[in-house]
Amino acid sequence: MMHGFGWLMFNRFCQGGFNGGFFGIWMYLIVAGLAVIAVVLIVNKSSKKTSDENAIEVLKMQYVEGKITEEEYMKKKKVIQGK
């Protein structure tokens, strides 16, 4: 009787638990990890875009105020935009 119960528990352990099988828990972890990575990439991309926009605004103000020439403005704008 005890042998049968032990085999049942071993069989369930090899399958990864009582719900989902061996790959069940791993699939949940992989999907959760991919979701976290996606969120981090989206947040980083949006914050970089915002900082680039702020830098261009500062550059525009320097040009309007006459602190830099048009040539300097165009060069620096290209650098900020990564072109």
Protein backbone atom coordinates (compact mmCIF):
# COMPACT_ATOMS: atom_id res chain seq x y z
CA MET A 1 0.00 0.00 0.00
CA MET A 2 2.74 2.45 0.91
CA HIS A 3 4.71 1.52 -2.18
CA GLY A 4 1.82 2.54 -4.43
CA PHE A 5 1.46 5.93 -2.75
CA GLY A 6 5.21 6.55 -2.97
CA TRP A 7 5.22 5.74 -6.67
CA LEU A 8 2.30 8.13 -7.20
CA MET A 9 4.16 10.94 -5.44
CA PHE A 10 7.37 10.23 -7.41
CA ASN A 11 5.40 10.23 -10.65
CA ARG A 12 3.80 13.59 -9.77
CA PHE A 13 7.20 15.03 -8.81
CA CYS A 14 8.68 14.01 -12.15
CA GLN A 15 5.80 15.74 -13.88
CA GLY A 16 6.55 18.97 -12.04
CA GLY A 17 3.74 19.09 -9.56
CA PHE A 18 0.06 18.44 -9.42
CA ASN A 19 -1.02 20.84 -12.15
CA GLY A 20 0.60 21.44 -15.49
CA GLY A 21 3.24 18.73 -15.68
CA PHE A 22 6.99 19.28 -15.78
CA PHE A 23 6.85 22.01 -18.39
CA GLY A 24 3.86 23.70 -16.76
CA ILE A 25 5.78 25.60 -14.09
CA TRP A 26 8.64 26.37 -16.49
CA MET A 27 6.27 27.72 -19.10
CA TYR A 28 4.70 30.02 -16.52
CA LEU A 29 8.14 31.25 -15.48
CA ILE A 30 9.28 31.75 -19.08
CA VAL A 31 6.14 33.66 -20.04
CA ALA A 32 6.40 35.84 -16.92
CA GLY A 33 10.09 36.50 -17.66
CA LEU A 34 9.34 37.47 -21.25
CA ALA A 35 6.59 39.81 -20.08
CA VAL A 36 8.99 41.52 -17.66
CA ILE A 37 11.62 41.89 -20.38
CA ALA A 38 9.05 43.37 -22.78
CA VAL A 39 7.91 45.93 -20.21
CA VAL A 40 11.50 46.94 -19.41
CA LEU A 41 12.34 47.39 -23.10
CA ILE A 42 9.22 49.48 -23.73
CA VAL A 43 9.88 51.71 -20.72
CA ASN A 44 13.54 52.22 -21.68
CA LYS A 45 12.64 53.05 -25.28
CA SER A 46 10.03 55.62 -24.25
CA SER A 47 12.32 57.27 -21.70
CA LYS A 48 15.14 57.53 -24.28
CA LYS A 49 12.76 59.16 -26.75
CA THR A 50 11.70 61.66 -24.10
CA SER A 51 15.29 62.56 -23.22
CA ASP A 52 16.12 63.02 -26.93
CA GLU A 53 13.12 65.31 -27.34
CA ASN A 54 14.19 67.34 -24.30
CA ALA A 55 17.72 67.68 -25.67
CA ILE A 56 16.40 68.92 -29.00
CA GLU A 57 14.19 71.47 -27.24
CA VAL A 58 17.20 72.79 -25.30
CA LEU A 59 19.16 72.92 -28.54
CA LYS A 60 16.36 74.87 -30.25
CA MET A 61 16.33 77.38 -27.41
CA GLN A 62 20.10 77.87 -27.69
CA TYR A 63 19.72 78.49 -31.43
CA VAL A 64 16.80 80.90 -30.97
CA GLU A 65 18.70 82.82 -28.30
CA GLY A 66 21.70 83.11 -30.63
CA LYS A 67 24.07 81.07 -28.44
CA ILE A 68 24.87 78.69 -31.31
CA THR A 69 24.95 79.06 -35.10
CA GLU A 70 22.70 77.25 -37.55
CA GLU A 71 25.59 74.99 -38.53
CA GLU A 72 26.22 74.03 -34.90
CA TYR A 73 22.49 73.48 -34.42
CA MET A 74 22.27 71.10 -37.39
CA LYS A 75 25.41 69.15 -36.34
CA LYS A 76 24.25 68.73 -32.75
CA LYS A 77 20.73 67.80 -33.83
CA LYS A 78 22.11 65.02 -36.05
CA VAL A 79 24.19 63.72 -33.16
CA ILE A 80 21.18 63.68 -30.81
CA GLN A 81 18.99 61.93 -33.37
CA GLY A 82 21.73 59.40 -34.09
CA LYS A 83 21.93 60.11 -37.81
